[in-house]
Full PDB file with SEQRES, HELIX, SHEET, SSBOND, CRYST1, ORIGX, SCALE, CONECT and MASTER records, all heavy atoms in Angstrom:
SEQRES   1 A   41  ASP TYR VAL GLU SER ILE GLY TRP GLU ALA ILE GLN ALA          
SEQRES   2 A   41  HIS GLU ARG ALA LEU GLY GLU ARG PHE LEU ALA GLY LEU          
SEQRES   3 A   41  PRO ASP ASN VAL ALA LEU TYR GLY LEU PRO GLY MET GLU          
SEQRES   4 A   41  GLY ARG                                                      
HELIX    1 AA1 TYR A    2  ILE A    6  1                                   5    
HELIX    2 AA2 TRP A    8  GLY A   25  1                                  18    
CRYST1    1.000    1.000    1.000  90.00  90.00  90.00 P 1           1          
ORIGX1      1.000000  0.000000  0.000000        0.00000                         
ORIGX2      0.000000  1.000000  0.000000        0.00000                         
ORIGX3      0.000000  0.000000  1.000000        0.00000                         
SCALE1      1.000000  0.000000  0.000000        0.00000                         
SCALE2      0.000000  1.000000  0.000000        0.00000                         
SCALE3      0.000000  0.000000  1.000000        0.00000                         
ATOM      1  N   ASP A   1     -12.022  18.232   5.364  1.00  0.00           N  
ATOM      2  CA  ASP A   1     -12.600  18.598   4.064  1.00  0.00           C  
ATOM      3  C   ASP A   1     -11.762  18.047   2.912  1.00  0.00           C  
ATOM      4  O   ASP A   1     -12.304  17.572   1.909  1.00  0.00           O  
ATOM      5  CB  ASP A   1     -12.719  20.119   3.932  1.00  0.00           C  
ATOM      6  CG  ASP A   1     -13.821  20.707   4.799  1.00  0.00           C  
ATOM      7  OD1 ASP A   1     -14.678  19.934   5.296  1.00  0.00           O  
ATOM      8  OD2 ASP A   1     -13.810  21.937   4.995  1.00  0.00           O  
ATOM      9  N   TYR A   2     -10.453  18.115   3.056  1.00  0.00           N  
ATOM     10  CA  TYR A   2      -9.556  17.606   2.024  1.00  0.00           C  
ATOM     11  C   TYR A   2      -9.762  16.106   1.810  1.00  0.00           C  
ATOM     12  O   TYR A   2      -9.943  15.640   0.679  1.00  0.00           O  
ATOM     13  CB  TYR A   2      -8.105  17.899   2.398  1.00  0.00           C  
ATOM     14  CG  TYR A   2      -7.099  17.220   1.522  1.00  0.00           C  
ATOM     15  CD1 TYR A   2      -6.865  17.655   0.220  1.00  0.00           C  
ATOM     16  CD2 TYR A   2      -6.368  16.126   1.984  1.00  0.00           C  
ATOM     17  CE1 TYR A   2      -5.944  17.024  -0.596  1.00  0.00           C  
ATOM     18  CE2 TYR A   2      -5.448  15.494   1.179  1.00  0.00           C  
ATOM     19  CZ  TYR A   2      -5.241  15.943  -0.111  1.00  0.00           C  
ATOM     20  OH  TYR A   2      -4.336  15.302  -0.920  1.00  0.00           O  
ATOM     21  N   VAL A   3      -9.734  15.336   2.892  1.00  0.00           N  
ATOM     22  CA  VAL A   3      -9.927  13.883   2.785  1.00  0.00           C  
ATOM     23  C   VAL A   3     -11.300  13.580   2.213  1.00  0.00           C  
ATOM     24  O   VAL A   3     -11.452  12.710   1.346  1.00  0.00           O  
ATOM     25  CB  VAL A   3      -9.716  13.194   4.151  1.00  0.00           C  
ATOM     26  CG1 VAL A   3     -10.168  11.747   4.125  1.00  0.00           C  
ATOM     27  CG2 VAL A   3      -8.258  13.288   4.571  1.00  0.00           C  
ATOM     28  N   GLU A   4     -12.294  14.318   2.655  1.00  0.00           N  
ATOM     29  CA  GLU A   4     -13.656  14.118   2.151  1.00  0.00           C  
ATOM     30  C   GLU A   4     -13.744  14.416   0.654  1.00  0.00           C  
ATOM     31  O   GLU A   4     -14.463  13.748  -0.084  1.00  0.00           O  
ATOM     32  CB  GLU A   4     -14.625  15.004   2.931  1.00  0.00           C  
ATOM     33  CG  GLU A   4     -16.080  14.675   2.683  1.00  0.00           C  
ATOM     34  CD  GLU A   4     -16.977  15.477   3.609  1.00  0.00           C  
ATOM     35  OE1 GLU A   4     -17.186  16.676   3.331  1.00  0.00           O  
ATOM     36  OE2 GLU A   4     -17.442  14.887   4.589  1.00  0.00           O  
ATOM     37  N   SER A   5     -13.000  15.412   0.177  1.00  0.00           N  
ATOM     38  CA  SER A   5     -13.054  15.772  -1.246  1.00  0.00           C  
ATOM     39  C   SER A   5     -12.476  14.676  -2.131  1.00  0.00           C  
ATOM     40  O   SER A   5     -12.886  14.526  -3.277  1.00  0.00           O  
ATOM     41  CB  SER A   5     -12.309  17.091  -1.485  1.00  0.00           C  
ATOM     42  OG  SER A   5     -10.901  16.913  -1.413  1.00  0.00           O  
ATOM     43  N   ILE A   6     -11.517  13.931  -1.606  1.00  0.00           N  
ATOM     44  CA  ILE A   6     -10.920  12.831  -2.376  1.00  0.00           C  
ATOM     45  C   ILE A   6     -11.725  11.554  -2.179  1.00  0.00           C  
ATOM     46  O   ILE A   6     -11.950  10.797  -3.121  1.00  0.00           O  
ATOM     47  CB  ILE A   6      -9.458  12.595  -1.942  1.00  0.00           C  
ATOM     48  CG1 ILE A   6      -8.618  13.832  -2.233  1.00  0.00           C  
ATOM     49  CG2 ILE A   6      -8.868  11.376  -2.640  1.00  0.00           C  
ATOM     50  CD1 ILE A   6      -7.238  13.785  -1.631  1.00  0.00           C  
ATOM     51  N   GLY A   7     -12.122  11.323  -0.962  1.00  0.00           N  
ATOM     52  CA  GLY A   7     -12.849  10.103  -0.607  1.00  0.00           C  
ATOM     53  C   GLY A   7     -11.924   9.108   0.063  1.00  0.00           C  
ATOM     54  O   GLY A   7     -10.868   8.773  -0.492  1.00  0.00           O  
ATOM     55  N   TRP A   8     -12.279   8.676   1.252  1.00  0.00           N  
ATOM     56  CA  TRP A   8     -11.440   7.763   2.020  1.00  0.00           C  
ATOM     57  C   TRP A   8     -11.203   6.456   1.278  1.00  0.00           C  
ATOM     58  O   TRP A   8     -10.100   5.915   1.275  1.00  0.00           O  
ATOM     59  CB  TRP A   8     -12.066   7.513   3.391  1.00  0.00           C  
ATOM     60  CG  TRP A   8     -11.182   6.729   4.288  1.00  0.00           C  
ATOM     61  CD1 TRP A   8     -11.419   5.496   4.796  1.00  0.00           C  
ATOM     62  CD2 TRP A   8      -9.890   7.111   4.787  1.00  0.00           C  
ATOM     63  NE1 TRP A   8     -10.368   5.084   5.573  1.00  0.00           N  
ATOM     64  CE2 TRP A   8      -9.410   6.054   5.586  1.00  0.00           C  
ATOM     65  CE3 TRP A   8      -9.089   8.236   4.632  1.00  0.00           C  
ATOM     66  CZ2 TRP A   8      -8.175   6.102   6.222  1.00  0.00           C  
ATOM     67  CZ3 TRP A   8      -7.860   8.272   5.268  1.00  0.00           C  
ATOM     68  CH2 TRP A   8      -7.422   7.215   6.045  1.00  0.00           C  
ATOM     69  N   GLU A   9     -12.232   5.944   0.614  1.00  0.00           N  
ATOM     70  CA  GLU A   9     -12.089   4.686  -0.108  1.00  0.00           C  
ATOM     71  C   GLU A   9     -11.101   4.836  -1.263  1.00  0.00           C  
ATOM     72  O   GLU A   9     -10.294   3.945  -1.532  1.00  0.00           O  
ATOM     73  CB  GLU A   9     -13.445   4.188  -0.622  1.00  0.00           C  
ATOM     74  CG  GLU A   9     -14.390   3.711   0.473  1.00  0.00           C  
ATOM     75  CD  GLU A   9     -15.067   4.867   1.220  1.00  0.00           C  
ATOM     76  OE1 GLU A   9     -15.118   5.993   0.689  1.00  0.00           O  
ATOM     77  OE2 GLU A   9     -15.519   4.630   2.362  1.00  0.00           O  
ATOM     78  N   ALA A  10     -11.139   5.970  -1.947  1.00  0.00           N  
ATOM     79  CA  ALA A  10     -10.200   6.217  -3.048  1.00  0.00           C  
ATOM     80  C   ALA A  10      -8.773   6.313  -2.527  1.00  0.00           C  
ATOM     81  O   ALA A  10      -7.831   5.799  -3.147  1.00  0.00           O  
ATOM     82  CB  ALA A  10     -10.579   7.494  -3.798  1.00  0.00           C  
ATOM     83  N   ILE A  11      -8.598   6.971  -1.382  1.00  0.00           N  
ATOM     84  CA  ILE A  11      -7.271   7.074  -0.773  1.00  0.00           C  
ATOM     85  C   ILE A  11      -6.747   5.687  -0.430  1.00  0.00           C  
ATOM     86  O   ILE A  11      -5.611   5.330  -0.763  1.00  0.00           O  
ATOM     87  CB  ILE A  11      -7.308   7.980   0.480  1.00  0.00           C  
ATOM     88  CG1 ILE A  11      -7.516   9.443   0.062  1.00  0.00           C  
ATOM     89  CG2 ILE A  11      -6.047   7.815   1.324  1.00  0.00           C  
ATOM     90  CD1 ILE A  11      -7.779  10.388   1.217  1.00  0.00           C  
ATOM     91  N   GLN A  12      -7.566   4.885   0.221  1.00  0.00           N  
ATOM     92  CA  GLN A  12      -7.151   3.537   0.611  1.00  0.00           C  
ATOM     93  C   GLN A  12      -6.819   2.681  -0.611  1.00  0.00           C  
ATOM     94  O   GLN A  12      -5.830   1.950  -0.605  1.00  0.00           O  
ATOM     95  CB  GLN A  12      -8.240   2.859   1.442  1.00  0.00           C  
ATOM     96  CG  GLN A  12      -8.364   3.422   2.832  1.00  0.00           C  
ATOM     97  CD  GLN A  12      -9.467   2.745   3.621  1.00  0.00           C  
ATOM     98  OE1 GLN A  12     -10.591   2.579   3.135  1.00  0.00           O  
ATOM     99  NE2 GLN A  12      -9.144   2.345   4.833  1.00  0.00           N  
ATOM    100  N   ALA A  13      -7.627   2.760  -1.645  1.00  0.00           N  
ATOM    101  CA  ALA A  13      -7.393   1.957  -2.850  1.00  0.00           C  
ATOM    102  C   ALA A  13      -6.077   2.344  -3.524  1.00  0.00           C  
ATOM    103  O   ALA A  13      -5.303   1.479  -3.952  1.00  0.00           O  
ATOM    104  CB  ALA A  13      -8.557   2.113  -3.826  1.00  0.00           C  
ATOM    105  N   HIS A  14      -5.822   3.638  -3.613  1.00  0.00           N  
ATOM    106  CA  HIS A  14      -4.580   4.105  -4.247  1.00  0.00           C  
ATOM    107  C   HIS A  14      -3.355   3.682  -3.432  1.00  0.00           C  
ATOM    108  O   HIS A  14      -2.376   3.172  -3.993  1.00  0.00           O  
ATOM    109  CB  HIS A  14      -4.622   5.627  -4.420  1.00  0.00           C  
ATOM    110  CG  HIS A  14      -3.444   6.186  -5.136  1.00  0.00           C  
ATOM    111  ND1 HIS A  14      -3.212   5.958  -6.472  1.00  0.00           N  
ATOM    112  CD2 HIS A  14      -2.422   6.954  -4.703  1.00  0.00           C  
ATOM    113  CE1 HIS A  14      -2.089   6.568  -6.837  1.00  0.00           C  
ATOM    114  NE2 HIS A  14      -1.591   7.178  -5.775  1.00  0.00           N  
ATOM    115  N   GLU A  15      -3.409   3.871  -2.129  1.00  0.00           N  
ATOM    116  CA  GLU A  15      -2.284   3.492  -1.286  1.00  0.00           C  
ATOM    117  C   GLU A  15      -2.059   1.982  -1.320  1.00  0.00           C  
ATOM    118  O   GLU A  15      -0.918   1.516  -1.323  1.00  0.00           O  
ATOM    119  CB  GLU A  15      -2.499   3.969   0.150  1.00  0.00           C  
ATOM    120  CG  GLU A  15      -2.379   5.469   0.296  1.00  0.00           C  
ATOM    121  CD  GLU A  15      -2.605   5.979   1.704  1.00  0.00           C  
ATOM    122  OE1 GLU A  15      -2.815   5.161   2.633  1.00  0.00           O  
ATOM    123  OE2 GLU A  15      -2.556   7.211   1.894  1.00  0.00           O  
ATOM    124  N   ARG A  16      -3.132   1.229  -1.363  1.00  0.00           N  
ATOM    125  CA  ARG A  16      -3.007  -0.236  -1.443  1.00  0.00           C  
ATOM    126  C   ARG A  16      -2.333  -0.647  -2.749  1.00  0.00           C  
ATOM    127  O   ARG A  16      -1.438  -1.492  -2.762  1.00  0.00           O  
ATOM    128  CB  ARG A  16      -4.371  -0.890  -1.304  1.00  0.00           C  
ATOM    129  CG  ARG A  16      -4.312  -2.401  -1.343  1.00  0.00           C  
ATOM    130  CD  ARG A  16      -5.721  -3.003  -1.270  1.00  0.00           C  
ATOM    131  NE  ARG A  16      -5.641  -4.430  -1.259  1.00  0.00           N  
ATOM    132  CZ  ARG A  16      -5.739  -5.192  -0.180  1.00  0.00           C  
ATOM    133  NH1 ARG A  16      -5.927  -4.644   0.998  1.00  0.00           N  
ATOM    134  NH2 ARG A  16      -5.656  -6.490  -0.262  1.00  0.00           N  
ATOM    135  N   ALA A  17      -2.752  -0.051  -3.853  1.00  0.00           N  
ATOM    136  CA  ALA A  17      -2.160  -0.381  -5.159  1.00  0.00           C  
ATOM    137  C   ALA A  17      -0.670  -0.035  -5.176  1.00  0.00           C  
ATOM    138  O   ALA A  17       0.154  -0.818  -5.672  1.00  0.00           O  
ATOM    139  CB  ALA A  17      -2.898   0.344  -6.271  1.00  0.00           C  
ATOM    140  N   LEU A  18      -0.319   1.122  -4.638  1.00  0.00           N  
ATOM    141  CA  LEU A  18       1.089   1.500  -4.594  1.00  0.00           C  
ATOM    142  C   LEU A  18       1.877   0.585  -3.655  1.00  0.00           C  
ATOM    143  O   LEU A  18       3.020   0.225  -3.946  1.00  0.00           O  
ATOM    144  CB  LEU A  18       1.245   2.961  -4.157  1.00  0.00           C  
ATOM    145  CG  LEU A  18       0.733   4.015  -5.135  1.00  0.00           C  
ATOM    146  CD1 LEU A  18       0.937   5.409  -4.564  1.00  0.00           C  
ATOM    147  CD2 LEU A  18       1.396   3.892  -6.496  1.00  0.00           C  
ATOM    148  N   GLY A  19       1.267   0.203  -2.549  1.00  0.00           N  
ATOM    149  CA  GLY A  19       1.921  -0.723  -1.623  1.00  0.00           C  
ATOM    150  C   GLY A  19       2.167  -2.076  -2.267  1.00  0.00           C  
ATOM    151  O   GLY A  19       3.236  -2.679  -2.100  1.00  0.00           O  
ATOM    152  N   GLU A  20       1.192  -2.566  -3.024  1.00  0.00           N  
ATOM    153  CA  GLU A  20       1.364  -3.834  -3.732  1.00  0.00           C  
ATOM    154  C   GLU A  20       2.490  -3.724  -4.764  1.00  0.00           C  
ATOM    155  O   GLU A  20       3.292  -4.650  -4.926  1.00  0.00           O  
ATOM    156  CB  GLU A  20       0.056  -4.249  -4.403  1.00  0.00           C  
ATOM    157  CG  GLU A  20      -0.986  -4.704  -3.398  1.00  0.00           C  
ATOM    158  CD  GLU A  20      -2.375  -4.878  -3.978  1.00  0.00           C  
ATOM    159  OE1 GLU A  20      -2.627  -4.440  -5.130  1.00  0.00           O  
ATOM    160  OE2 GLU A  20      -3.225  -5.447  -3.269  1.00  0.00           O  
ATOM    161  N   ARG A  21       2.565  -2.592  -5.434  1.00  0.00           N  
ATOM    162  CA  ARG A  21       3.632  -2.358  -6.419  1.00  0.00           C  
ATOM    163  C   ARG A  21       4.996  -2.383  -5.730  1.00  0.00           C  
ATOM    164  O   ARG A  21       5.952  -2.978  -6.230  1.00  0.00           O  
ATOM    165  CB  ARG A  21       3.384  -1.016  -7.101  1.00  0.00           C  
ATOM    166  CG  ARG A  21       4.334  -0.693  -8.221  1.00  0.00           C  
ATOM    167  CD  ARG A  21       3.990   0.682  -8.822  1.00  0.00           C  
ATOM    168  NE  ARG A  21       4.614   0.870 -10.079  1.00  0.00           N  
ATOM    169  CZ  ARG A  21       4.031   0.709 -11.266  1.00  0.00           C  
ATOM    170  NH1 ARG A  21       2.769   0.374 -11.342  1.00  0.00           N  
ATOM    171  NH2 ARG A  21       4.705   0.898 -12.379  1.00  0.00           N  
ATOM    172  N   PHE A  22       5.087  -1.724  -4.573  1.00  0.00           N  
ATOM    173  CA  PHE A  22       6.325  -1.703  -3.808  1.00  0.00           C  
ATOM    174  C   PHE A  22       6.726  -3.117  -3.399  1.00  0.00           C  
ATOM    175  O   PHE A  22       7.870  -3.536  -3.618  1.00  0.00           O  
ATOM    176  CB  PHE A  22       6.173  -0.802  -2.578  1.00  0.00           C  
ATOM    177  CG  PHE A  22       7.385  -0.748  -1.712  1.00  0.00           C  
ATOM    178  CD1 PHE A  22       8.450   0.075  -2.039  1.00  0.00           C  
ATOM    179  CD2 PHE A  22       7.472  -1.517  -0.562  1.00  0.00           C  
ATOM    180  CE1 PHE A  22       9.593   0.128  -1.239  1.00  0.00           C  
ATOM    181  CE2 PHE A  22       8.597  -1.474   0.249  1.00  0.00           C  
ATOM    182  CZ  PHE A  22       9.659  -0.646  -0.095  1.00  0.00           C  
ATOM    183  N   LEU A  23       5.808  -3.851  -2.815  1.00  0.00           N  
ATOM    184  CA  LEU A  23       6.112  -5.203  -2.350  1.00  0.00           C  
ATOM    185  C   LEU A  23       6.525  -6.119  -3.495  1.00  0.00           C  
ATOM    186  O   LEU A  23       7.466  -6.905  -3.367  1.00  0.00           O  
ATOM    187  CB  LEU A  23       4.914  -5.789  -1.605  1.00  0.00           C  
ATOM    188  CG  LEU A  23       4.593  -5.143  -0.259  1.00  0.00           C  
ATOM    189  CD1 LEU A  23       3.266  -5.662   0.277  1.00  0.00           C  
ATOM    190  CD2 LEU A  23       5.715  -5.377   0.735  1.00  0.00           C  
ATOM    191  N   ALA A  24       5.840  -6.009  -4.617  1.00  0.00           N  
ATOM    192  CA  ALA A  24       6.151  -6.856  -5.768  1.00  0.00           C  
ATOM    193  C   ALA A  24       7.524  -6.541  -6.357  1.00  0.00           C  
ATOM    194  O   ALA A  24       8.173  -7.419  -6.926  1.00  0.00           O  
ATOM    195  CB  ALA A  24       5.078  -6.690  -6.845  1.00  0.00           C  
ATOM    196  N   GLY A  25       7.983  -5.305  -6.192  1.00  0.00           N  
ATOM    197  CA  GLY A  25       9.242  -4.905  -6.793  1.00  0.00           C  
ATOM    198  C   GLY A  25      10.449  -4.956  -5.893  1.00  0.00           C  
ATOM    199  O   GLY A  25      11.559  -4.611  -6.327  1.00  0.00           O  
ATOM    200  N   LEU A  26      10.278  -5.373  -4.646  1.00  0.00           N  
ATOM    201  CA  LEU A  26      11.422  -5.400  -3.733  1.00  0.00           C  
ATOM    202  C   LEU A  26      12.490  -6.380  -4.229  1.00  0.00           C  
ATOM    203  O   LEU A  26      12.176  -7.520  -4.579  1.00  0.00           O  
ATOM    204  CB  LEU A  26      10.988  -5.819  -2.327  1.00  0.00           C  
ATOM    205  CG  LEU A  26      10.393  -4.727  -1.454  1.00  0.00           C  
ATOM    206  CD1 LEU A  26       9.917  -5.319  -0.131  1.00  0.00           C  
ATOM    207  CD2 LEU A  26      11.385  -3.605  -1.207  1.00  0.00           C  
ATOM    208  N   PRO A  27      13.732  -5.944  -4.259  1.00  0.00           N  
ATOM    209  CA  PRO A  27      14.820  -6.841  -4.668  1.00  0.00           C  
ATOM    210  C   PRO A  27      14.963  -8.011  -3.686  1.00  0.00           C  
ATOM    211  O   PRO A  27      14.553  -7.926  -2.527  1.00  0.00           O  
ATOM    212  CB  PRO A  27      16.065  -5.949  -4.622  1.00  0.00           C  
ATOM    213  CG  PRO A  27      15.559  -4.552  -4.665  1.00  0.00           C  
ATOM    214  CD  PRO A  27      14.214  -4.579  -4.004  1.00  0.00           C  
ATOM    215  N   ASP A  28      15.574  -9.084  -4.150  1.00  0.00           N  
ATOM    216  CA  ASP A  28      15.745 -10.286  -3.324  1.00  0.00           C  
ATOM    217  C   ASP A  28      16.637 -10.065  -2.103  1.00  0.00           C  
ATOM    218  O   ASP A  28      16.540 -10.811  -1.141  1.00  0.00           O  
ATOM    219  CB  ASP A  28      16.324 -11.429  -4.166  1.00  0.00           C  
ATOM    220  CG  ASP A  28      15.328 -11.943  -5.188  1.00  0.00           C  
ATOM    221  OD1 ASP A  28      14.106 -11.761  -4.989  1.00  0.00           O  
ATOM    222  OD2 ASP A  28      15.775 -12.524  -6.200  1.00  0.00           O  
ATOM    223  N   ASN A  29      17.492  -9.046  -2.144  1.00  0.00           N  
ATOM    224  CA  ASN A  29      18.402  -8.820  -1.019  1.00  0.00           C  
ATOM    225  C   ASN A  29      17.811  -7.901   0.049  1.00  0.00           C  
ATOM    226  O   ASN A  29      18.526  -7.389   0.890  1.00  0.00           O  
ATOM    227  CB  ASN A  29      19.730  -8.251  -1.516  1.00  0.00           C  
ATOM    228  CG  ASN A  29      19.600  -6.855  -2.097  1.00  0.00           C  
ATOM    229  OD1 ASN A  29      18.549  -6.484  -2.617  1.00  0.00           O  
ATOM    230  ND2 ASN A  29      20.662  -6.089  -2.035  1.00  0.00           N  
ATOM    231  N   VAL A  30      16.498  -7.731   0.014  1.00  0.00           N  
ATOM    232  CA  VAL A  30      15.807  -6.899   0.997  1.00  0.00           C  
ATOM    233  C   VAL A  30      15.023  -7.782   1.960  1.00  0.00           C  
ATOM    234  O   VAL A  30      14.264  -8.651   1.535  1.00  0.00           O  
ATOM    235  CB  VAL A  30      14.851  -5.897   0.303  1.00  0.00           C  
ATOM    236  CG1 VAL A  30      13.986  -5.176   1.320  1.00  0.00           C  
ATOM    237  CG2 VAL A  30      15.643  -4.900  -0.520  1.00  0.00           C  
ATOM    238  N   ALA A  31      15.240  -7.561   3.261  1.00  0.00           N  
ATOM    239  CA  ALA A  31      14.464  -8.237   4.297  1.00  0.00           C  
ATOM    240  C   ALA A  31      13.326  -7.309   4.700  1.00  0.00           C  
ATOM    241  O   ALA A  31      13.568  -6.198   5.178  1.00  0.00           O  
ATOM    242  CB  ALA A  31      15.346  -8.548   5.497  1.00  0.00           C  
ATOM    243  N   LEU A  32      12.102  -7.739   4.484  1.00  0.00           N  
ATOM    244  CA  LEU A  32      10.911  -6.968   4.830  1.00  0.00           C  
ATOM    245  C   LEU A  32      10.411  -7.438   6.187  1.00  0.00           C  
ATOM    246  O   LEU A  32      10.346  -8.643   6.447  1.00  0.00           O  
ATOM    247  CB  LEU A  32       9.825  -7.179   3.776  1.00  0.00           C  
ATOM    248  CG  LEU A  32       8.487  -6.511   4.044  1.00  0.00           C  
ATOM    249  CD1 LEU A  32       8.610  -4.993   3.858  1.00  0.00           C  
ATOM    250  CD2 LEU A  32       7.419  -7.071   3.111  1.00  0.00           C  
ATOM    251  N   TYR A  33      10.033  -6.496   7.039  1.00  0.00           N  
ATOM    252  CA  TYR A  33       9.470  -6.830   8.344  1.00  0.00           C  
ATOM    253  C   TYR A  33       7.994  -6.499   8.324  1.00  0.00           C  
ATOM    254  O   TYR A  33       7.583  -5.466   7.826  1.00  0.00           O  
ATOM    255  CB  TYR A  33      10.207  -6.057   9.449  1.00  0.00           C  
ATOM    256  CG  TYR A  33      11.689  -6.320   9.396  1.00  0.00           C  
ATOM    257  CD1 TYR A  33      12.553  -5.397   8.831  1.00  0.00           C  
ATOM    258  CD2 TYR A  33      12.209  -7.528   9.852  1.00  0.00           C  
ATOM    259  CE1 TYR A  33      13.910  -5.652   8.747  1.00  0.00           C  
ATOM    260  CE2 TYR A  33      13.568  -7.796   9.767  1.00  0.00           C  
ATOM    261  CZ  TYR A  33      14.405  -6.850   9.205  1.00  0.00           C  
ATOM    262  OH  TYR A  33      15.752  -7.120   9.112  1.00  0.00           O  
ATOM    263  N   GLY A  34       7.198  -7.409   8.861  1.00  0.00           N  
ATOM    264  CA  GLY A  34       5.754  -7.204   8.846  1.00  0.00           C  
ATOM    265  C   GLY A  34       5.096  -8.114   7.828  1.00  0.00           C  
ATOM    266  O   GLY A  34       5.726  -9.017   7.275  1.00  0.00           O  
ATOM    267  N   LEU A  35       3.857  -7.855   7.583  1.00  0.00           N  
ATOM    268  CA  LEU A  35       3.084  -8.695   6.669  1.00  0.00           C  
ATOM    269  C   LEU A  35       3.651  -8.608   5.252  1.00  0.00           C  
ATOM    270  O   LEU A  35       4.022  -7.529   4.794  1.00  0.00           O  
ATOM    271  CB  LEU A  35       1.619  -8.251   6.679  1.00  0.00           C  
ATOM    272  CG  LEU A  35       0.912  -8.371   8.031  1.00  0.00           C  
ATOM    273  CD1 LEU A  35      -0.461  -7.729   7.981  1.00  0.00           C  
ATOM    274  CD2 LEU A  35       0.816  -9.825   8.450  1.00  0.00           C  
ATOM    275  N   PRO A  36       3.680  -9.739   4.535  1.00  0.00           N  
ATOM    276  CA  PRO A  36       4.279  -9.753   3.198  1.00  0.00           C  
ATOM    277  C   PRO A  36       3.368  -9.210   2.101  1.00  0.00           C  
ATOM    278  O   PRO A  36       3.825  -8.973   0.980  1.00  0.00           O  
ATOM    279  CB  PRO A  36       4.574 -11.237   2.963  1.00  0.00           C  
ATOM    280  CG  PRO A  36       3.537 -11.943   3.771  1.00  0.00           C  
ATOM    281  CD  PRO A  36       3.319 -11.076   4.993  1.00  0.00           C  
ATOM    282  N   GLY A  37       2.105  -9.010   2.403  1.00  0.00           N  
ATOM    283  CA  GLY A  37       1.152  -8.475   1.430  1.00  0.00           C  
ATOM    284  C   GLY A  37       0.416  -7.294   2.013  1.00  0.00           C  
ATOM    285  O   GLY A  37       0.645  -6.897   3.150  1.00  0.00           O  
ATOM    286  N   MET A  38      -0.481  -6.735   1.240  1.00  0.00           N  
ATOM    287  CA  MET A  38      -1.205  -5.547   1.695  1.00  0.00           C  
ATOM    288  C   MET A  38      -2.440  -5.867   2.529  1.00  0.00           C  
ATOM    289  O   MET A  38      -3.019  -4.969   3.120  1.00  0.00           O  
ATOM    290  CB  MET A  38      -1.590  -4.681   0.486  1.00  0.00           C  
ATOM    291  CG  MET A  38      -0.406  -3.954  -0.132  1.00  0.00           C  
ATOM    292  SD  MET A  38       0.529  -2.942   1.038  1.00  0.00           S  
ATOM    293  CE  MET A  38      -0.690  -1.728   1.519  1.00  0.00           C  
ATOM    294  N   GLU A  39      -2.821  -7.110   2.586  1.00  0.00           N  
ATOM    295  CA  GLU A  39      -3.972  -7.482   3.408  1.00  0.00           C  
ATOM    296  C   GLU A  39      -3.650  -7.248   4.875  1.00  0.00           C  
ATOM    297  O   GLU A  39      -2.672  -7.778   5.402  1.00  0.00           O  
ATOM    298  CB  GLU A  39      -4.336  -8.957   3.179  1.00  0.00           C  
ATOM    299  CG  GLU A  39      -5.619  -9.369   3.841  1.00  0.00           C  
ATOM    300  CD  GLU A  39      -6.839  -8.656   3.264  1.00  0.00           C  
ATOM    301  OE1 GLU A  39      -6.875  -8.429   2.043  1.00  0.00           O  
ATOM    302  OE2 GLU A  39      -7.742  -8.313   4.052  1.00  0.00           O  
ATOM    303  N   GLY A  40      -4.424  -6.391   5.530  1.00  0.00           N  
ATOM    304  CA  GLY A  40      -4.255  -6.144   6.951  1.00  0.00           C  
ATOM    305  C   GLY A  40      -3.153  -5.168   7.314  1.00  0.00           C  
ATOM    306  O   GLY A  40      -2.755  -5.092   8.470  1.00  0.00           O  
ATOM    307  N   ARG A  41      -2.639  -4.414   6.351  1.00  0.00           N  
ATOM    308  CA  ARG A  41      -1.576  -3.460   6.654  1.00  0.00           C  
ATOM    309  C   ARG A  41      -1.788  -2.170   5.874  1.00  0.00           C  
ATOM    310  O   ARG A  41      -2.614  -2.106   4.982  1.00  0.00           O  
ATOM    311  CB  ARG A  41      -0.198  -4.049   6.337  1.00  0.00           C  
ATOM    312  CG  ARG A  41       0.116  -4.123   4.850  1.00  0.00           C  
ATOM    313  CD  ARG A  41       1.547  -4.523   4.527  1.00  0.00           C  
ATOM    314  NE  ARG A  41       2.513  -3.672   5.156  1.00  0.00           N  
ATOM    315  CZ  ARG A  41       3.749  -4.035   5.486  1.00  0.00           C  
ATOM    316  NH1 ARG A  41       4.164  -5.252   5.208  1.00  0.00           N  
ATOM    317  NH2 ARG A  41       4.574  -3.206   6.064  1.00  0.00           N  
TER     318      ARG A  41                                                      
MASTER        0    0    0    2    0    0    0    6  317    1    0    4          
END                                                                             
């Protein structure tokens, strides 16, 4: 009911935007493992 009240698409969009913000702001001395963008993750 909780997820339905927010909407799955809204949850995904918000998490994607925050993930993109995180990836864009990572300092140069950080090694990221996994996909470099939010597509497919």
